[in-house]
Amino acid sequence: MAKSQFSCATFFALLVCFLLLVPNKMPMAEAKFCKRPAEHYSGTCYPNRCYSYCKSKEHAYSGECIWTGQGHQRHYACYCVYNC
């Protein structure tokens, strides 16, 4: 009887130690996103218009306006966001 109680206590003690040593958060796969310029979007980039265009025409996850270019050529361009 004493041996089975000792084995049970040892088992639970080891189980508690194991649970304390294991990290609380399990590694999770994170979604990776790729951004590409919208192919046929024209005109000034408006966030709602860019989002709608990318979702409907290019079947992207999302769309956003991003500053692009250098110097005097900087402007907002519509970029479509895809799941990589």
PDB file of N, CA and C in Angstrom:
ATOM      1  N   MET A   1       0.818  -1.188   0.000  1.00  0.00           N
ATOM      2  CA  MET A   1       0.000   0.000   0.000  1.00  0.00           C
ATOM      3  C   MET A   1       0.863   1.255   0.000  1.00  0.00           C
ATOM      4  N   ALA A   2       1.915   1.245   0.812  1.00  0.00           N
ATOM      5  CA  ALA A   2       2.776   2.415   0.899  1.00  0.00           C
ATOM      6  C   ALA A   2       3.500   2.651  -0.419  1.00  0.00           C
ATOM      7  N   LYS A   3       3.863   1.552  -1.089  1.00  0.00           N
ATOM      8  CA  LYS A   3       4.591   1.689  -2.346  1.00  0.00           C
ATOM      9  C   LYS A   3       3.702   2.320  -3.420  1.00  0.00           C
ATOM     10  N   SER A   4       2.434   1.951  -3.493  1.00  0.00           N
ATOM     11  CA  SER A   4       1.549   2.507  -4.511  1.00  0.00           C
ATOM     12  C   SER A   4       1.267   3.986  -4.248  1.00  0.00           C
ATOM     13  N   GLN A   5       1.179   4.375  -2.956  1.00  0.00           N
ATOM     14  CA  GLN A   5       0.987   5.791  -2.645  1.00  0.00           C
ATOM     15  C   GLN A   5       2.226   6.591  -3.030  1.00  0.00           C
ATOM     16  N   PHE A   6       3.402   6.020  -2.780  1.00  0.00           N
ATOM     17  CA  PHE A   6       4.647   6.690  -3.149  1.00  0.00           C
ATOM     18  C   PHE A   6       4.742   6.842  -4.659  1.00  0.00           C
ATOM     19  N   SER A   7       4.390   5.806  -5.394  1.00  0.00           N
ATOM     20  CA  SER A   7       4.435   5.858  -6.857  1.00  0.00           C
ATOM     21  C   SER A   7       3.452   6.888  -7.395  1.00  0.00           C
ATOM     22  N   CYS A   8       2.284   6.951  -6.795  1.00  0.00           N
ATOM     23  CA  CYS A   8       1.271   7.913  -7.227  1.00  0.00           C
ATOM     24  C   CYS A   8       1.747   9.337  -6.937  1.00  0.00           C
ATOM     25  N   ALA A   9       2.313   9.563  -5.761  1.00  0.00           N
ATOM     26  CA  ALA A   9       2.812  10.891  -5.399  1.00  0.00           C
ATOM     27  C   ALA A   9       3.974  11.294  -6.301  1.00  0.00           C
ATOM     28  N   THR A  10       4.851  10.349  -6.587  1.00  0.00           N
ATOM     29  CA  THR A  10       5.978  10.622  -7.479  1.00  0.00           C
ATOM     30  C   THR A  10       5.492  10.971  -8.878  1.00  0.00           C
ATOM     31  N   PHE A  11       4.533  10.219  -9.347  1.00  0.00           N
ATOM     32  CA  PHE A  11       3.980  10.478 -10.676  1.00  0.00           C
ATOM     33  C   PHE A  11       3.404  11.889 -10.766  1.00  0.00           C
ATOM     34  N   PHE A  12       2.596  12.273  -9.777  1.00  0.00           N
ATOM     35  CA  PHE A  12       1.982  13.602  -9.805  1.00  0.00           C
ATOM     36  C   PHE A  12       3.020  14.708  -9.642  1.00  0.00           C
ATOM     37  N   ALA A  13       4.042  14.472  -8.829  1.00  0.00           N
ATOM     38  CA  ALA A  13       5.103  15.469  -8.666  1.00  0.00           C
ATOM     39  C   ALA A  13       5.845  15.677  -9.985  1.00  0.00           C
ATOM     40  N   LEU A  14       6.148  14.581 -10.665  1.00  0.00           N
ATOM     41  CA  LEU A  14       6.820  14.698 -11.961  1.00  0.00           C
ATOM     42  C   LEU A  14       5.921  15.357 -13.003  1.00  0.00           C
ATOM     43  N   LEU A  15       4.635  15.055 -12.948  1.00  0.00           N
ATOM     44  CA  LEU A  15       3.687  15.666 -13.873  1.00  0.00           C
ATOM     45  C   LEU A  15       3.622  17.176 -13.669  1.00  0.00           C
ATOM     46  N   VAL A  16       3.573  17.611 -12.411  1.00  0.00           N
ATOM     47  CA  VAL A  16       3.541  19.048 -12.110  1.00  0.00           C
ATOM     48  C   VAL A  16       4.827  19.714 -12.593  1.00  0.00           C
ATOM     49  N   CYS A  17       5.971  19.098 -12.349  1.00  0.00           N
ATOM     50  CA  CYS A  17       7.245  19.655 -12.824  1.00  0.00           C
ATOM     51  C   CYS A  17       7.259  19.768 -14.342  1.00  0.00           C
ATOM     52  N   PHE A  18       6.771  18.773 -15.011  1.00  0.00           N
ATOM     53  CA  PHE A  18       6.726  18.793 -16.473  1.00  0.00           C
ATOM     54  C   PHE A  18       5.847  19.933 -16.967  1.00  0.00           C
ATOM     55  N   LEU A  19       4.671  20.084 -16.364  1.00  0.00           N
ATOM     56  CA  LEU A  19       3.752  21.136 -16.797  1.00  0.00           C
ATOM     57  C   LEU A  19       4.301  22.528 -16.520  1.00  0.00           C
ATOM     58  N   LEU A  20       5.107  22.673 -15.477  1.00  0.00           N
ATOM     59  CA  LEU A  20       5.720  23.968 -15.190  1.00  0.00           C
ATOM     60  C   LEU A  20       6.846  24.291 -16.165  1.00  0.00           C
ATOM     61  N   LEU A  21       7.524  23.269 -16.639  1.00  0.00           N
ATOM     62  CA  LEU A  21       8.646  23.491 -17.548  1.00  0.00           C
ATOM     63  C   LEU A  21       8.215  23.695 -18.993  1.00  0.00           C
ATOM     64  N   VAL A  22       7.066  23.176 -19.356  1.00  0.00           N
ATOM     65  CA  VAL A  22       6.575  23.318 -20.730  1.00  0.00           C
ATOM     66  C   VAL A  22       6.046  24.739 -20.894  1.00  0.00           C
ATOM     67  N   PRO A  23       6.442  25.440 -21.954  1.00  0.00           N
ATOM     68  CA  PRO A  23       5.955  26.808 -22.143  1.00  0.00           C
ATOM     69  C   PRO A  23       4.440  26.837 -22.304  1.00  0.00           C
ATOM     70  N   ASN A  24       3.845  27.923 -21.835  1.00  0.00           N
ATOM     71  CA  ASN A  24       2.392  28.051 -21.888  1.00  0.00           C
ATOM     72  C   ASN A  24       1.871  28.224 -23.301  1.00  0.00           C
ATOM     73  N   LYS A  25       2.627  28.891 -24.127  1.00  0.00           N
ATOM     74  CA  LYS A  25       2.156  29.147 -25.484  1.00  0.00           C
ATOM     75  C   LYS A  25       2.746  28.116 -26.434  1.00  0.00           C
ATOM     76  N   MET A  26       1.897  27.463 -27.143  1.00  0.00           N
ATOM     77  CA  MET A  26       2.357  26.535 -28.168  1.00  0.00           C
ATOM     78  C   MET A  26       2.722  27.356 -29.395  1.00  0.00           C
ATOM     79  N   PRO A  27       3.760  26.985 -30.120  1.00  0.00           N
ATOM     80  CA  PRO A  27       4.094  27.738 -31.327  1.00  0.00           C
ATOM     81  C   PRO A  27       2.956  27.650 -32.336  1.00  0.00           C
ATOM     82  N   MET A  28       2.606  28.805 -32.885  1.00  0.00           N
ATOM     83  CA  MET A  28       1.516  28.859 -33.852  1.00  0.00           C
ATOM     84  C   MET A  28       2.056  29.342 -35.186  1.00  0.00           C
ATOM     85  N   ALA A  29       1.508  28.804 -36.232  1.00  0.00           N
ATOM     86  CA  ALA A  29       1.903  29.242 -37.568  1.00  0.00           C
ATOM     87  C   ALA A  29       1.270  30.598 -37.828  1.00  0.00           C
ATOM     88  N   GLU A  30       2.094  31.548 -38.228  1.00  0.00           N
ATOM     89  CA  GLU A  30       1.590  32.877 -38.526  1.00  0.00           C
ATOM     90  C   GLU A  30       1.436  33.029 -40.027  1.00  0.00           C
ATOM     91  N   ALA A  31       0.403  33.740 -40.400  1.00  0.00           N
ATOM     92  CA  ALA A  31       0.167  33.984 -41.822  1.00  0.00           C
ATOM     93  C   ALA A  31       1.214  34.963 -42.337  1.00  0.00           C
ATOM     94  N   LYS A  32       1.745  34.687 -43.500  1.00  0.00           N
ATOM     95  CA  LYS A  32       2.706  35.584 -44.132  1.00  0.00           C
ATOM     96  C   LYS A  32       2.000  36.278 -45.279  1.00  0.00           C
ATOM     97  N   PHE A  33       2.238  37.569 -45.388  1.00  0.00           N
ATOM     98  CA  PHE A  33       1.591  38.353 -46.420  1.00  0.00           C
ATOM     99  C   PHE A  33       2.628  38.937 -47.367  1.00  0.00           C
ATOM    100  N   CYS A  34       2.274  38.981 -48.640  1.00  0.00           N
ATOM    101  CA  CYS A  34       3.112  39.578 -49.673  1.00  0.00           C
ATOM    102  C   CYS A  34       2.350  40.745 -50.276  1.00  0.00           C
ATOM    103  N   LYS A  35       3.070  41.815 -50.579  1.00  0.00           N
ATOM    104  CA  LYS A  35       2.444  42.982 -51.200  1.00  0.00           C
ATOM    105  C   LYS A  35       2.986  43.135 -52.610  1.00  0.00           C
ATOM    106  N   ARG A  36       2.066  43.358 -53.543  1.00  0.00           N
ATOM    107  CA  ARG A  36       2.442  43.610 -54.936  1.00  0.00           C
ATOM    108  C   ARG A  36       1.633  44.788 -55.446  1.00  0.00           C
ATOM    109  N   PRO A  37       2.223  45.592 -56.332  1.00  0.00           N
ATOM    110  CA  PRO A  37       1.449  46.700 -56.896  1.00  0.00           C
ATOM    111  C   PRO A  37       0.247  46.169 -57.665  1.00  0.00           C
ATOM    112  N   ALA A  38      -0.874  46.874 -57.547  1.00  0.00           N
ATOM    113  CA  ALA A  38      -2.073  46.495 -58.295  1.00  0.00           C
ATOM    114  C   ALA A  38      -1.782  46.668 -59.782  1.00  0.00           C
ATOM    115  N   GLU A  39      -2.152  45.687 -60.581  1.00  0.00           N
ATOM    116  CA  GLU A  39      -1.772  45.693 -61.991  1.00  0.00           C
ATOM    117  C   GLU A  39      -2.476  46.757 -62.819  1.00  0.00           C
ATOM    118  N   HIS A  40      -3.772  46.900 -62.669  1.00  0.00           N
ATOM    119  CA  HIS A  40      -4.507  47.799 -63.556  1.00  0.00           C
ATOM    120  C   HIS A  40      -5.221  48.912 -62.814  1.00  0.00           C
ATOM    121  N   TYR A  41      -4.816  49.186 -61.588  1.00  0.00           N
ATOM    122  CA  TYR A  41      -5.422  50.275 -60.816  1.00  0.00           C
ATOM    123  C   TYR A  41      -4.883  51.590 -61.354  1.00  0.00           C
ATOM    124  N   SER A  42      -5.760  52.551 -61.592  1.00  0.00           N
ATOM    125  CA  SER A  42      -5.295  53.842 -62.108  1.00  0.00           C
ATOM    126  C   SER A  42      -5.909  54.967 -61.298  1.00  0.00           C
ATOM    127  N   GLY A  43      -5.263  56.093 -61.332  1.00  0.00           N
ATOM    128  CA  GLY A  43      -5.753  57.267 -60.624  1.00  0.00           C
ATOM    129  C   GLY A  43      -5.199  57.361 -59.218  1.00  0.00           C
ATOM    130  N   THR A  44      -5.710  58.359 -58.495  1.00  0.00           N
ATOM    131  CA  THR A  44      -5.282  58.578 -57.121  1.00  0.00           C
ATOM    132  C   THR A  44      -5.691  57.397 -56.249  1.00  0.00           C
ATOM    133  N   CYS A  45      -4.817  57.038 -55.354  1.00  0.00           N
ATOM    134  CA  CYS A  45      -5.104  55.893 -54.486  1.00  0.00           C
ATOM    135  C   CYS A  45      -5.931  56.340 -53.290  1.00  0.00           C
ATOM    136  N   TYR A  46      -7.120  55.814 -53.204  1.00  0.00           N
ATOM    137  CA  TYR A  46      -7.992  56.007 -52.047  1.00  0.00           C
ATOM    138  C   TYR A  46      -8.115  54.652 -51.354  1.00  0.00           C
ATOM    139  N   PRO A  47      -7.919  54.612 -50.035  1.00  0.00           N
ATOM    140  CA  PRO A  47      -7.889  53.321 -49.333  1.00  0.00           C
ATOM    141  C   PRO A  47      -9.095  52.418 -49.595  1.00  0.00           C
ATOM    142  N   ASN A  48     -10.295  52.959 -49.535  1.00  0.00           N
ATOM    143  CA  ASN A  48     -11.482  52.113 -49.749  1.00  0.00           C
ATOM    144  C   ASN A  48     -11.554  51.600 -51.179  1.00  0.00           C
ATOM    145  N   ARG A  49     -11.205  52.444 -52.128  1.00  0.00           N
ATOM    146  CA  ARG A  49     -11.239  52.043 -53.537  1.00  0.00           C
ATOM    147  C   ARG A  49     -10.175  50.981 -53.826  1.00  0.00           C
ATOM    148  N   CYS A  50      -8.986  51.182 -53.283  1.00  0.00           N
ATOM    149  CA  CYS A  50      -7.889  50.220 -53.472  1.00  0.00           C
ATOM    150  C   CYS A  50      -8.257  48.871 -52.852  1.00  0.00           C
ATOM    151  N   TYR A  51      -8.809  48.899 -51.652  1.00  0.00           N
ATOM    152  CA  TYR A  51      -9.211  47.667 -50.971  1.00  0.00           C
ATOM    153  C   TYR A  51     -10.246  46.911 -51.801  1.00  0.00           C
ATOM    154  N   SER A  52     -11.267  47.632 -52.260  1.00  0.00           N
ATOM    155  CA  SER A  52     -12.330  46.994 -53.051  1.00  0.00           C
ATOM    156  C   SER A  52     -11.795  46.444 -54.361  1.00  0.00           C
ATOM    157  N   TYR A  53     -10.915  47.213 -55.016  1.00  0.00           N
ATOM    158  CA  TYR A  53     -10.342  46.771 -56.285  1.00  0.00           C
ATOM    159  C   TYR A  53      -9.550  45.476 -56.098  1.00  0.00           C
ATOM    160  N   CYS A  54      -8.674  45.458 -55.107  1.00  0.00           N
ATOM    161  CA  CYS A  54      -7.826  44.273 -54.890  1.00  0.00           C
ATOM    162  C   CYS A  54      -8.660  43.046 -54.528  1.00  0.00           C
ATOM    163  N   LYS A  55      -9.690  43.232 -53.706  1.00  0.00           N
ATOM    164  CA  LYS A  55     -10.533  42.102 -53.320  1.00  0.00           C
ATOM    165  C   LYS A  55     -11.317  41.552 -54.507  1.00  0.00           C
ATOM    166  N   SER A  56     -11.884  42.441 -55.317  1.00  0.00           N
ATOM    167  CA  SER A  56     -12.785  41.977 -56.377  1.00  0.00           C
ATOM    168  C   SER A  56     -12.063  41.626 -57.673  1.00  0.00           C
ATOM    169  N   LYS A  57     -11.115  42.434 -58.100  1.00  0.00           N
ATOM    170  CA  LYS A  57     -10.475  42.228 -59.409  1.00  0.00           C
ATOM    171  C   LYS A  57      -9.258  41.317 -59.355  1.00  0.00           C
ATOM    172  N   GLU A  58      -8.460  41.444 -58.305  1.00  0.00           N
ATOM    173  CA  GLU A  58      -7.219  40.660 -58.246  1.00  0.00           C
ATOM    174  C   GLU A  58      -7.295  39.530 -57.223  1.00  0.00           C
ATOM    175  N   HIS A  59      -8.446  39.346 -56.605  1.00  0.00           N
ATOM    176  CA  HIS A  59      -8.685  38.254 -55.652  1.00  0.00           C
ATOM    177  C   HIS A  59      -7.617  38.198 -54.561  1.00  0.00           C
ATOM    178  N   ALA A  60      -7.278  39.365 -54.044  1.00  0.00           N
ATOM    179  CA  ALA A  60      -6.271  39.471 -52.992  1.00  0.00           C
ATOM    180  C   ALA A  60      -6.941  39.443 -51.624  1.00  0.00           C
ATOM    181  N   TYR A  61      -6.128  39.308 -50.595  1.00  0.00           N
ATOM    182  CA  TYR A  61      -6.624  39.316 -49.220  1.00  0.00           C
ATOM    183  C   TYR A  61      -7.083  40.718 -48.827  1.00  0.00           C
ATOM    184  N   SER A  62      -6.340  41.728 -49.285  1.00  0.00           N
ATOM    185  CA  SER A  62      -6.621  43.106 -48.912  1.00  0.00           C
ATOM    186  C   SER A  62      -5.949  44.037 -49.912  1.00  0.00           C
ATOM    187  N   GLY A  63      -6.113  45.318 -49.725  1.00  0.00           N
ATOM    188  CA  GLY A  63      -5.441  46.318 -50.543  1.00  0.00           C
ATOM    189  C   GLY A  63      -5.168  47.542 -49.704  1.00  0.00           C
ATOM    190  N   GLU A  64      -4.036  48.208 -49.956  1.00  0.00           N
ATOM    191  CA  GLU A  64      -3.707  49.401 -49.188  1.00  0.00           C
ATOM    192  C   GLU A  64      -2.874  50.363 -50.018  1.00  0.00           C
ATOM    193  N   CYS A  65      -2.978  51.634 -49.669  1.00  0.00           N
ATOM    194  CA  CYS A  65      -2.208  52.673 -50.347  1.00  0.00           C
ATOM    195  C   CYS A  65      -0.876  52.833 -49.626  1.00  0.00           C
ATOM    196  N   ILE A  66       0.222  52.800 -50.388  1.00  0.00           N
ATOM    197  CA  ILE A  66       1.564  52.886 -49.820  1.00  0.00           C
ATOM    198  C   ILE A  66       2.345  53.949 -50.580  1.00  0.00           C
ATOM    199  N   TRP A  67       3.120  54.753 -49.827  1.00  0.00           N
ATOM    200  CA  TRP A  67       3.994  55.722 -50.471  1.00  0.00           C
ATOM    201  C   TRP A  67       5.064  54.967 -51.249  1.00  0.00           C
ATOM    202  N   THR A  68       5.277  55.365 -52.471  1.00  0.00           N
ATOM    203  CA  THR A  68       6.284  54.707 -53.300  1.00  0.00           C
ATOM    204  C   THR A  68       6.985  55.755 -54.157  1.00  0.00           C
ATOM    205  N   GLY A  69       8.100  55.392 -54.741  1.00  0.00           N
ATOM    206  CA  GLY A  69       8.870  56.325 -55.558  1.00  0.00           C
ATOM    207  C   GLY A  69       9.897  57.066 -54.726  1.00  0.00           C
ATOM    208  N   GLN A  70      10.700  57.913 -55.404  1.00  0.00           N
ATOM    209  CA  GLN A  70      11.744  58.663 -54.720  1.00  0.00           C
ATOM    210  C   GLN A  70      11.713  60.114 -55.160  1.00  0.00           C
ATOM    211  N   GLY A  71      12.152  60.978 -54.265  1.00  0.00           N
ATOM    212  CA  GLY A  71      12.250  62.397 -54.588  1.00  0.00           C
ATOM    213  C   GLY A  71      10.910  62.991 -54.975  1.00  0.00           C
ATOM    214  N   HIS A  72      10.900  63.696 -56.133  1.00  0.00           N
ATOM    215  CA  HIS A  72       9.679  64.342 -56.607  1.00  0.00           C
ATOM    216  C   HIS A  72       8.695  63.342 -57.199  1.00  0.00           C
ATOM    217  N   GLN A  73       9.098  62.109 -57.368  1.00  0.00           N
ATOM    218  CA  GLN A  73       8.237  61.083 -57.959  1.00  0.00           C
ATOM    219  C   GLN A  73       7.433  60.311 -56.911  1.00  0.00           C
ATOM    220  N   ARG A  74       7.530  60.727 -55.637  1.00  0.00           N
ATOM    221  CA  ARG A  74       6.795  60.003 -54.583  1.00  0.00           C
ATOM    222  C   ARG A  74       5.298  60.204 -54.748  1.00  0.00           C
ATOM    223  N   HIS A  75       4.568  59.118 -54.586  1.00  0.00           N
ATOM    224  CA  HIS A  75       3.111  59.165 -54.693  1.00  0.00           C
ATOM    225  C   HIS A  75       2.508  57.953 -53.989  1.00  0.00           C
ATOM    226  N   TYR A  76       1.220  58.017 -53.735  1.00  0.00           N
ATOM    227  CA  TYR A  76       0.505  56.867 -53.188  1.00  0.00           C
ATOM    228  C   TYR A  76       0.194  55.902 -54.317  1.00  0.00           C
ATOM    229  N   ALA A  77       0.498  54.646 -54.099  1.00  0.00           N
ATOM    230  CA  ALA A  77       0.187  53.606 -55.080  1.00  0.00           C
ATOM    231  C   ALA A  77      -0.614  52.513 -54.386  1.00  0.00           C
ATOM    232  N   CYS A  78      -1.492  51.896 -55.139  1.00  0.00           N
ATOM    233  CA  CYS A  78      -2.319  50.819 -54.602  1.00  0.00           C
ATOM    234  C   CYS A  78      -1.528  49.511 -54.641  1.00  0.00           C
ATOM    235  N   TYR A  79      -1.382  48.887 -53.492  1.00  0.00           N
ATOM    236  CA  TYR A  79      -0.712  47.597 -53.384  1.00  0.00           C
ATOM    237  C   TYR A  79      -1.719  46.570 -52.887  1.00  0.00           C
ATOM    238  N   CYS A  80      -1.734  45.424 -53.535  1.00  0.00           N
ATOM    239  CA  CYS A  80      -2.606  44.331 -53.119  1.00  0.00           C
ATOM    240  C   CYS A  80      -1.830  43.404 -52.184  1.00  0.00           C
ATOM    241  N   VAL A  81      -2.491  42.949 -51.152  1.00  0.00           N
ATOM    242  CA  VAL A  81      -1.877  42.091 -50.141  1.00  0.00           C
ATOM    243  C   VAL A  81      -2.399  40.671 -50.338  1.00  0.00           C
ATOM    244  N   TYR A  82      -1.472  39.728 -50.517  1.00  0.00           N
ATOM    245  CA  TYR A  82      -1.813  38.323 -50.764  1.00  0.00           C
ATOM    246  C   TYR A  82      -1.287  37.456 -49.632  1.00  0.00           C
ATOM    247  N   ASN A  83      -1.922  36.324 -49.393  1.00  0.00           N
ATOM    248  CA  ASN A  83      -1.370  35.307 -48.493  1.00  0.00           C
ATOM    249  C   ASN A  83      -0.254  34.595 -49.244  1.00  0.00           C
ATOM    250  N   CYS A  84       0.935  34.568 -48.662  1.00  0.00           N
ATOM    251  CA  CYS A  84       2.066  33.899 -49.324  1.00  0.00           C
ATOM    252  C   CYS A  84       2.038  32.415 -49.051  1.00  0.00           C
TER     253      CYS A  84
END
